[in-house]
Amino acid sequence: MEEEFDLREALATGERLQEIVARASIDKEFLKEVLELLDDDLWTVQKNALRVVVEVLRDMPELHESLLTKLMVMLRKSEAVPLTQEIARAFGVLAEIAPEKVSKVVPVIFANYRIGDPKIKVNSTYVLEEIMKARPSLLGNVFRDIGFMLISKDTSDKLAALNFIAALSENGLRYVTPFLPKLFALLQDEDDLVRASAVETLVALGEKNDKLRKVVISKLQSIEKDKSDLVQKRLKEGMKRLLLLER
């Protein structure tokens, strides 16, 4: 890269990221400059700086601890969805390559979801989903809490729990089987958004397992007279996909 190269501008625009990754992987001083930009005032700079760091993370275990600390701060502050998604992806990578470190902060992240303000709740949901996809074994007691969320009086809790279960299913149905009775019960929930989301989640599970698929089809057929247009739309789309797989 030429001497007049402006790192911050390149990260702000997202240009030449592969060049930046290549240089950061071999030049520790340059990587230090990238890390400093995780504190930039512009979220696009933060997002692309983090993307670079994640690319070199696997080969630099000395970064894991400090980056995890930084991510916890960024998680609380992020107000831009693309940045939050990049933060979540970084947590997912760390969960895969440094699970013992991530396991220590999972309870804190879940607590942020449970008692945080609306912004932090949303941010924490993104992160928990990525950790569940990467290494669900880190969740520990959170599994029990997800079960409680499925029967919560708060609609947002139920919707978040459904997202968590969908993420867990990426690692096999053994992680979601304990939740099935409560998932089926949500098909009768008083909130049509919850019912529609339960349909979506069950369809996704049915697509991944042929034995469960038959049970899901039967359960969905039992609500085919649901009066909600939203539920009917999800129901028809989901049944079509499942019946095609059965054929």
C-alpha atoms as a PDB file:
ATOM      1  CA  MET A   1       0.000   0.000   0.000  1.00  0.00           C
ATOM      2  CA  GLU A   2       1.223   3.472  -0.776  1.00  0.00           C
ATOM      3  CA  GLU A   3       2.431   5.699   2.044  1.00  0.00           C
ATOM      4  CA  GLU A   4      -0.402   8.171   1.670  1.00  0.00           C
ATOM      5  CA  PHE A   5      -2.951   5.428   2.173  1.00  0.00           C
ATOM      6  CA  ASP A   6      -5.694   6.647   4.525  1.00  0.00           C
ATOM      7  CA  LEU A   7      -6.750   3.688   6.663  1.00  0.00           C
ATOM      8  CA  ARG A   8      -9.736   5.383   8.259  1.00  0.00           C
ATOM      9  CA  GLU A   9     -11.125   6.559   4.928  1.00  0.00           C
ATOM     10  CA  ALA A  10     -10.714   3.083   3.439  1.00  0.00           C
ATOM     11  CA  LEU A  11     -12.572   1.549   6.371  1.00  0.00           C
ATOM     12  CA  ALA A  12     -15.275   4.197   6.181  1.00  0.00           C
ATOM     13  CA  THR A  13     -15.958   3.368   2.536  1.00  0.00           C
ATOM     14  CA  GLY A  14     -15.300  -0.355   2.799  1.00  0.00           C
ATOM     15  CA  GLU A  15     -12.764  -0.187  -0.034  1.00  0.00           C
ATOM     16  CA  ARG A  16      -9.641  -2.347  -0.253  1.00  0.00           C
ATOM     17  CA  LEU A  17     -10.611  -4.462   2.739  1.00  0.00           C
ATOM     18  CA  GLN A  18      -8.737  -7.494   1.457  1.00  0.00           C
ATOM     19  CA  GLU A  19      -5.569  -5.428   1.182  1.00  0.00           C
ATOM     20  CA  ILE A  20      -6.094  -4.214   4.733  1.00  0.00           C
ATOM     21  CA  VAL A  21      -6.644  -7.773   5.973  1.00  0.00           C
ATOM     22  CA  ALA A  22      -3.489  -8.962   4.227  1.00  0.00           C
ATOM     23  CA  ARG A  23      -1.378  -6.202   5.734  1.00  0.00           C
ATOM     24  CA  ALA A  24      -2.920  -6.536   9.206  1.00  0.00           C
ATOM     25  CA  SER A  25      -2.078 -10.246   9.226  1.00  0.00           C
ATOM     26  CA  ILE A  26       1.662  -9.592   8.879  1.00  0.00           C
ATOM     27  CA  ASP A  27       2.177  -6.099  10.283  1.00  0.00           C
ATOM     28  CA  LYS A  28       1.467  -5.861  14.018  1.00  0.00           C
ATOM     29  CA  GLU A  29       1.786  -2.079  14.084  1.00  0.00           C
ATOM     30  CA  PHE A  30      -0.716  -1.753  11.267  1.00  0.00           C
ATOM     31  CA  LEU A  31      -3.071  -4.149  13.055  1.00  0.00           C
ATOM     32  CA  LYS A  32      -2.756  -1.960  16.137  1.00  0.00           C
ATOM     33  CA  GLU A  33      -3.986   0.999  14.056  1.00  0.00           C
ATOM     34  CA  VAL A  34      -6.970  -1.072  12.909  1.00  0.00           C
ATOM     35  CA  LEU A  35      -7.776  -2.058  16.501  1.00  0.00           C
ATOM     36  CA  GLU A  36      -7.701   1.583  17.590  1.00  0.00           C
ATOM     37  CA  LEU A  37     -10.370   2.353  15.009  1.00  0.00           C
ATOM     38  CA  LEU A  38     -12.806   0.065  16.826  1.00  0.00           C
ATOM     39  CA  ASP A  39     -13.374   3.188  18.952  1.00  0.00           C
ATOM     40  CA  ASP A  40     -14.043   5.466  15.997  1.00  0.00           C
ATOM     41  CA  ASP A  41     -17.054   7.786  16.050  1.00  0.00           C
ATOM     42  CA  LEU A  42     -18.291   6.477  12.692  1.00  0.00           C
ATOM     43  CA  TRP A  43     -20.038   3.117  12.892  1.00  0.00           C
ATOM     44  CA  THR A  44     -19.022   2.107   9.375  1.00  0.00           C
ATOM     45  CA  VAL A  45     -15.371   2.507  10.370  1.00  0.00           C
ATOM     46  CA  GLN A  46     -15.960   0.386  13.462  1.00  0.00           C
ATOM     47  CA  LYS A  47     -17.788  -2.277  11.456  1.00  0.00           C
ATOM     48  CA  ASN A  48     -15.123  -2.640   8.790  1.00  0.00           C
ATOM     49  CA  ALA A  49     -12.294  -2.463  11.310  1.00  0.00           C
ATOM     50  CA  LEU A  50     -13.948  -5.294  13.201  1.00  0.00           C
ATOM     51  CA  ARG A  51     -14.375  -7.257   9.984  1.00  0.00           C
ATOM     52  CA  VAL A  52     -10.633  -6.986   9.396  1.00  0.00           C
ATOM     53  CA  VAL A  53      -9.825  -8.041  12.960  1.00  0.00           C
ATOM     54  CA  VAL A  54     -12.098 -11.076  12.727  1.00  0.00           C
ATOM     55  CA  GLU A  55     -10.332 -12.169   9.547  1.00  0.00           C
ATOM     56  CA  VAL A  56      -6.958 -12.328  11.319  1.00  0.00           C
ATOM     57  CA  LEU A  57      -8.300 -13.496  14.672  1.00  0.00           C
ATOM     58  CA  ARG A  58      -7.829 -17.238  14.217  1.00  0.00           C
ATOM     59  CA  ASP A  59      -4.073 -16.967  13.914  1.00  0.00           C
ATOM     60  CA  MET A  60      -3.637 -14.538  16.800  1.00  0.00           C
ATOM     61  CA  PRO A  61      -4.765 -16.090  20.096  1.00  0.00           C
ATOM     62  CA  GLU A  62      -3.117 -13.234  21.965  1.00  0.00           C
ATOM     63  CA  LEU A  63      -5.964 -11.013  20.688  1.00  0.00           C
ATOM     64  CA  HIS A  64      -8.837 -13.135  21.982  1.00  0.00           C
ATOM     65  CA  GLU A  65      -9.075 -11.830  25.529  1.00  0.00           C
ATOM     66  CA  SER A  66      -8.711  -8.142  24.715  1.00  0.00           C
ATOM     67  CA  LEU A  67     -11.085  -8.343  21.749  1.00  0.00           C
ATOM     68  CA  LEU A  68     -13.734 -10.060  23.851  1.00  0.00           C
ATOM     69  CA  THR A  69     -13.540  -7.220  26.380  1.00  0.00           C
ATOM     70  CA  LYS A  70     -13.821  -4.677  23.569  1.00  0.00           C
ATOM     71  CA  LEU A  71     -16.791  -6.505  22.037  1.00  0.00           C
ATOM     72  CA  MET A  72     -18.705  -6.378  25.314  1.00  0.00           C
ATOM     73  CA  VAL A  73     -18.336  -2.587  25.299  1.00  0.00           C
ATOM     74  CA  MET A  74     -19.260  -2.287  21.625  1.00  0.00           C
ATOM     75  CA  LEU A  75     -22.300  -4.486  22.173  1.00  0.00           C
ATOM     76  CA  ARG A  76     -23.754  -2.066  24.694  1.00  0.00           C
ATOM     77  CA  LYS A  77     -23.036   1.018  22.599  1.00  0.00           C
ATOM     78  CA  SER A  78     -23.960  -0.093  19.088  1.00  0.00           C
ATOM     79  CA  GLU A  79     -26.947   1.679  17.566  1.00  0.00           C
ATOM     80  CA  ALA A  80     -26.488   0.501  13.966  1.00  0.00           C
ATOM     81  CA  VAL A  81     -27.790  -2.919  12.961  1.00  0.00           C
ATOM     82  CA  PRO A  82     -24.941  -3.677  10.490  1.00  0.00           C
ATOM     83  CA  LEU A  83     -22.393  -2.938  13.224  1.00  0.00           C
ATOM     84  CA  THR A  84     -24.306  -5.082  15.714  1.00  0.00           C
ATOM     85  CA  GLN A  85     -24.370  -7.923  13.189  1.00  0.00           C
ATOM     86  CA  GLU A  86     -20.608  -7.669  12.763  1.00  0.00           C
ATOM     87  CA  ILE A  87     -20.163  -7.677  16.541  1.00  0.00           C
ATOM     88  CA  ALA A  88     -22.356 -10.777  16.739  1.00  0.00           C
ATOM     89  CA  ARG A  89     -20.324 -12.479  14.007  1.00  0.00           C
ATOM     90  CA  ALA A  90     -17.140 -11.755  15.958  1.00  0.00           C
ATOM     91  CA  PHE A  91     -18.658 -13.349  19.058  1.00  0.00           C
ATOM     92  CA  GLY A  92     -19.583 -16.373  16.950  1.00  0.00           C
ATOM     93  CA  VAL A  93     -16.018 -16.772  15.691  1.00  0.00           C
ATOM     94  CA  LEU A  94     -14.642 -16.428  19.218  1.00  0.00           C
ATOM     95  CA  ALA A  95     -17.156 -18.998  20.468  1.00  0.00           C
ATOM     96  CA  GLU A  96     -15.770 -21.390  17.893  1.00  0.00           C
ATOM     97  CA  ILE A  97     -12.046 -20.799  18.496  1.00  0.00           C
ATOM     98  CA  ALA A  98     -11.951 -19.669  22.153  1.00  0.00           C
ATOM     99  CA  PRO A  99     -15.040 -21.220  23.782  1.00  0.00           C
ATOM    100  CA  GLU A 100     -13.608 -21.167  27.294  1.00  0.00           C
ATOM    101  CA  LYS A 101     -13.335 -17.367  27.139  1.00  0.00           C
ATOM    102  CA  VAL A 102     -16.762 -16.781  25.626  1.00  0.00           C
ATOM    103  CA  SER A 103     -18.424 -19.080  28.175  1.00  0.00           C
ATOM    104  CA  LYS A 104     -17.498 -16.581  30.894  1.00  0.00           C
ATOM    105  CA  VAL A 105     -19.443 -13.735  29.279  1.00  0.00           C
ATOM    106  CA  VAL A 106     -22.525 -15.645  28.073  1.00  0.00           C
ATOM    107  CA  PRO A 107     -24.359 -15.129  31.415  1.00  0.00           C
ATOM    108  CA  VAL A 108     -23.631 -11.392  31.201  1.00  0.00           C
ATOM    109  CA  ILE A 109     -24.908 -11.192  27.632  1.00  0.00           C
ATOM    110  CA  PHE A 110     -28.072 -13.060  28.576  1.00  0.00           C
ATOM    111  CA  ALA A 111     -28.537 -10.780  31.583  1.00  0.00           C
ATOM    112  CA  ASN A 112     -28.240  -7.825  29.212  1.00  0.00           C
ATOM    113  CA  TYR A 113     -31.083  -9.328  27.219  1.00  0.00           C
ATOM    114  CA  ARG A 114     -33.234  -9.951  30.270  1.00  0.00           C
ATOM    115  CA  ILE A 115     -32.838  -6.621  32.063  1.00  0.00           C
ATOM    116  CA  GLY A 116     -31.345  -4.252  29.510  1.00  0.00           C
ATOM    117  CA  ASP A 117     -33.037  -1.383  27.725  1.00  0.00           C
ATOM    118  CA  PRO A 118     -34.699  -2.150  24.349  1.00  0.00           C
ATOM    119  CA  LYS A 119     -31.546  -1.394  22.334  1.00  0.00           C
ATOM    120  CA  ILE A 120     -29.361  -3.679  24.439  1.00  0.00           C
ATOM    121  CA  LYS A 121     -32.000  -6.428  24.352  1.00  0.00           C
ATOM    122  CA  VAL A 122     -31.959  -6.397  20.542  1.00  0.00           C
ATOM    123  CA  ASN A 123     -28.163  -6.279  20.369  1.00  0.00           C
ATOM    124  CA  SER A 124     -27.852  -9.152  22.826  1.00  0.00           C
ATOM    125  CA  THR A 125     -30.298 -11.234  20.797  1.00  0.00           C
ATOM    126  CA  TYR A 126     -28.080 -10.968  17.700  1.00  0.00           C
ATOM    127  CA  VAL A 127     -25.040 -12.068  19.706  1.00  0.00           C
ATOM    128  CA  LEU A 128     -26.734 -14.965  21.477  1.00  0.00           C
ATOM    129  CA  GLU A 129     -28.030 -16.294  18.163  1.00  0.00           C
ATOM    130  CA  GLU A 130     -24.510 -16.326  16.693  1.00  0.00           C
ATOM    131  CA  ILE A 131     -23.078 -18.070  19.760  1.00  0.00           C
ATOM    132  CA  MET A 132     -25.865 -20.658  19.577  1.00  0.00           C
ATOM    133  CA  LYS A 133     -25.066 -21.340  15.935  1.00  0.00           C
ATOM    134  CA  ALA A 134     -21.340 -21.648  16.594  1.00  0.00           C
ATOM    135  CA  ARG A 135     -21.259 -23.546  19.897  1.00  0.00           C
ATOM    136  CA  PRO A 136     -24.581 -24.154  21.661  1.00  0.00           C
ATOM    137  CA  SER A 137     -22.860 -26.077  24.458  1.00  0.00           C
ATOM    138  CA  LEU A 138     -21.770 -22.717  25.887  1.00  0.00           C
ATOM    139  CA  LEU A 139     -25.343 -21.804  26.751  1.00  0.00           C
ATOM    140  CA  GLY A 140     -25.573 -23.888  29.940  1.00  0.00           C
ATOM    141  CA  ASN A 141     -28.426 -22.641  32.144  1.00  0.00           C
ATOM    142  CA  VAL A 142     -29.620 -20.360  29.363  1.00  0.00           C
ATOM    143  CA  PHE A 143     -31.475 -23.366  27.908  1.00  0.00           C
ATOM    144  CA  ARG A 144     -33.726 -23.379  30.960  1.00  0.00           C
ATOM    145  CA  ASP A 145     -34.327 -19.647  30.606  1.00  0.00           C
ATOM    146  CA  ILE A 146     -35.303 -20.052  26.950  1.00  0.00           C
ATOM    147  CA  GLY A 147     -37.985 -22.477  28.103  1.00  0.00           C
ATOM    148  CA  PHE A 148     -39.310 -19.844  30.495  1.00  0.00           C
ATOM    149  CA  MET A 149     -39.265 -17.231  27.722  1.00  0.00           C
ATOM    150  CA  LEU A 150     -41.540 -19.434  25.596  1.00  0.00           C
ATOM    151  CA  ILE A 151     -44.269 -19.134  28.239  1.00  0.00           C
ATOM    152  CA  SER A 152     -43.584 -15.513  29.139  1.00  0.00           C
ATOM    153  CA  LYS A 153     -46.395 -12.939  29.105  1.00  0.00           C
ATOM    154  CA  ASP A 154     -44.083 -10.677  27.116  1.00  0.00           C
ATOM    155  CA  THR A 155     -44.451 -11.133  23.351  1.00  0.00           C
ATOM    156  CA  SER A 156     -40.892  -9.987  22.718  1.00  0.00           C
ATOM    157  CA  ASP A 157     -39.603 -12.771  24.991  1.00  0.00           C
ATOM    158  CA  LYS A 158     -41.497 -15.392  23.018  1.00  0.00           C
ATOM    159  CA  LEU A 159     -40.286 -14.033  19.680  1.00  0.00           C
ATOM    160  CA  ALA A 160     -36.692 -13.907  20.892  1.00  0.00           C
ATOM    161  CA  ALA A 161     -36.938 -17.475  22.205  1.00  0.00           C
ATOM    162  CA  LEU A 162     -38.202 -18.627  18.807  1.00  0.00           C
ATOM    163  CA  ASN A 163     -35.204 -16.969  17.149  1.00  0.00           C
ATOM    164  CA  PHE A 164     -32.882 -18.653  19.639  1.00  0.00           C
ATOM    165  CA  ILE A 165     -34.412 -22.049  18.918  1.00  0.00           C
ATOM    166  CA  ALA A 166     -34.030 -21.534  15.185  1.00  0.00           C
ATOM    167  CA  ALA A 167     -30.365 -20.713  15.756  1.00  0.00           C
ATOM    168  CA  LEU A 168     -29.883 -23.762  17.984  1.00  0.00           C
ATOM    169  CA  SER A 169     -31.378 -26.013  15.308  1.00  0.00           C
ATOM    170  CA  GLU A 170     -28.373 -25.233  13.095  1.00  0.00           C
ATOM    171  CA  ASN A 171     -26.459 -27.681  15.300  1.00  0.00           C
ATOM    172  CA  GLY A 172     -29.013 -30.466  15.290  1.00  0.00           C
ATOM    173  CA  LEU A 173     -32.476 -31.144  16.614  1.00  0.00           C
ATOM    174  CA  ARG A 174     -31.180 -32.554  19.903  1.00  0.00           C
ATOM    175  CA  TYR A 175     -30.836 -28.970  21.106  1.00  0.00           C
ATOM    176  CA  VAL A 176     -34.445 -28.067  20.327  1.00  0.00           C
ATOM    177  CA  THR A 177     -36.348 -31.272  21.087  1.00  0.00           C
ATOM    178  CA  PRO A 178     -36.949 -30.291  24.745  1.00  0.00           C
ATOM    179  CA  PHE A 179     -38.743 -27.151  23.561  1.00  0.00           C
ATOM    180  CA  LEU A 180     -41.151 -28.862  21.152  1.00  0.00           C
ATOM    181  CA  PRO A 181     -44.180 -29.120  23.501  1.00  0.00           C
ATOM    182  CA  LYS A 182     -43.984 -25.384  24.223  1.00  0.00           C
ATOM    183  CA  LEU A 183     -43.434 -24.625  20.535  1.00  0.00           C
ATOM    184  CA  PHE A 184     -46.597 -26.519  19.631  1.00  0.00           C
ATOM    185  CA  ALA A 185     -48.461 -24.678  22.389  1.00  0.00           C
ATOM    186  CA  LEU A 186     -47.490 -21.339  20.847  1.00  0.00           C
ATOM    187  CA  LEU A 187     -49.601 -22.226  17.809  1.00  0.00           C
ATOM    188  CA  GLN A 188     -52.543 -21.362  20.075  1.00  0.00           C
ATOM    189  CA  ASP A 189     -51.036 -18.149  21.469  1.00  0.00           C
ATOM    190  CA  GLU A 190     -53.361 -15.134  21.675  1.00  0.00           C
ATOM    191  CA  ASP A 191     -50.916 -12.981  19.669  1.00  0.00           C
ATOM    192  CA  ASP A 192     -51.046 -13.633  15.930  1.00  0.00           C
ATOM    193  CA  LEU A 193     -47.427 -12.517  15.492  1.00  0.00           C
ATOM    194  CA  VAL A 194     -46.314 -15.176  17.975  1.00  0.00           C
ATOM    195  CA  ARG A 195     -48.450 -17.813  16.239  1.00  0.00           C
ATOM    196  CA  ALA A 196     -47.057 -16.856  12.844  1.00  0.00           C
ATOM    197  CA  SER A 197     -43.489 -16.944  14.166  1.00  0.00           C
ATOM    198  CA  ALA A 198     -44.117 -20.331  15.782  1.00  0.00           C
ATOM    199  CA  VAL A 199     -45.303 -21.607  12.397  1.00  0.00           C
ATOM    200  CA  GLU A 200     -42.119 -20.325  10.753  1.00  0.00           C
ATOM    201  CA  THR A 201     -39.893 -21.923  13.374  1.00  0.00           C
ATOM    202  CA  LEU A 202     -41.663 -25.267  13.213  1.00  0.00           C
ATOM    203  CA  VAL A 203     -41.526 -25.289   9.421  1.00  0.00           C
ATOM    204  CA  ALA A 204     -37.780 -24.646   9.566  1.00  0.00           C
ATOM    205  CA  LEU A 205     -37.371 -27.546  12.012  1.00  0.00           C
ATOM    206  CA  GLY A 206     -39.538 -29.799   9.883  1.00  0.00           C
ATOM    207  CA  GLU A 207     -37.449 -29.061   6.828  1.00  0.00           C
ATOM    208  CA  LYS A 208     -34.358 -30.360   8.616  1.00  0.00           C
ATOM    209  CA  ASN A 209     -35.775 -33.644   9.915  1.00  0.00           C
ATOM    210  CA  ASP A 210     -38.079 -35.995   8.045  1.00  0.00           C
ATOM    211  CA  LYS A 211     -39.429 -37.725  11.182  1.00  0.00           C
ATOM    212  CA  LEU A 212     -40.266 -34.441  12.863  1.00  0.00           C
ATOM    213  CA  ARG A 213     -41.700 -33.157   9.588  1.00  0.00           C
ATOM    214  CA  LYS A 214     -44.708 -35.481   9.801  1.00  0.00           C
ATOM    215  CA  VAL A 215     -45.482 -34.280  13.329  1.00  0.00           C
ATOM    216  CA  VAL A 216     -45.120 -30.634  12.304  1.00  0.00           C
ATOM    217  CA  ILE A 217     -47.446 -31.096   9.333  1.00  0.00           C
ATOM    218  CA  SER A 218     -50.052 -32.655  11.607  1.00  0.00           C
ATOM    219  CA  LYS A 219     -49.775 -29.808  14.125  1.00  0.00           C
ATOM    220  CA  LEU A 220     -50.025 -27.166  11.408  1.00  0.00           C
ATOM    221  CA  GLN A 221     -53.068 -28.840   9.916  1.00  0.00           C
ATOM    222  CA  SER A 222     -54.763 -28.496  13.309  1.00  0.00           C
ATOM    223  CA  ILE A 223     -54.665 -24.688  13.014  1.00  0.00           C
ATOM    224  CA  GLU A 224     -55.610 -24.392   9.353  1.00  0.00           C
ATOM    225  CA  LYS A 225     -58.730 -22.422  10.336  1.00  0.00           C
ATOM    226  CA  ASP A 226     -56.743 -19.723  12.166  1.00  0.00           C
ATOM    227  CA  LYS A 227     -58.457 -16.392  11.454  1.00  0.00           C
ATOM    228  CA  SER A 228     -55.288 -14.292  11.232  1.00  0.00           C
ATOM    229  CA  ASP A 229     -54.236 -13.305   7.712  1.00  0.00           C
ATOM    230  CA  LEU A 230     -50.604 -13.242   8.850  1.00  0.00           C
ATOM    231  CA  VAL A 231     -50.794 -16.753  10.278  1.00  0.00           C
ATOM    232  CA  GLN A 232     -52.609 -18.015   7.183  1.00  0.00           C
ATOM    233  CA  LYS A 233     -49.913 -16.611   4.931  1.00  0.00           C
ATOM    234  CA  ARG A 234     -47.092 -18.255   6.903  1.00  0.00           C
ATOM    235  CA  LEU A 235     -49.122 -21.435   7.218  1.00  0.00           C
ATOM    236  CA  LYS A 236     -49.778 -21.805   3.494  1.00  0.00           C
ATOM    237  CA  GLU A 237     -46.166 -21.020   2.578  1.00  0.00           C
ATOM    238  CA  GLY A 238     -44.824 -23.413   5.200  1.00  0.00           C
ATOM    239  CA  MET A 239     -47.171 -26.287   4.392  1.00  0.00           C
ATOM    240  CA  LYS A 240     -46.303 -25.989   0.724  1.00  0.00           C
ATOM    241  CA  ARG A 241     -42.597 -26.350   1.481  1.00  0.00           C
ATOM    242  CA  LEU A 242     -43.101 -29.259   3.865  1.00  0.00           C
ATOM    243  CA  LEU A 243     -45.486 -31.173   1.587  1.00  0.00           C
ATOM    244  CA  LEU A 244     -43.064 -30.806  -1.321  1.00  0.00           C
ATOM    245  CA  LEU A 245     -40.357 -32.391   0.804  1.00  0.00           C
ATOM    246  CA  GLU A 246     -42.702 -35.222   1.792  1.00  0.00           C
ATOM    247  CA  ARG A 247     -43.386 -36.006  -1.853  1.00  0.00           C
END
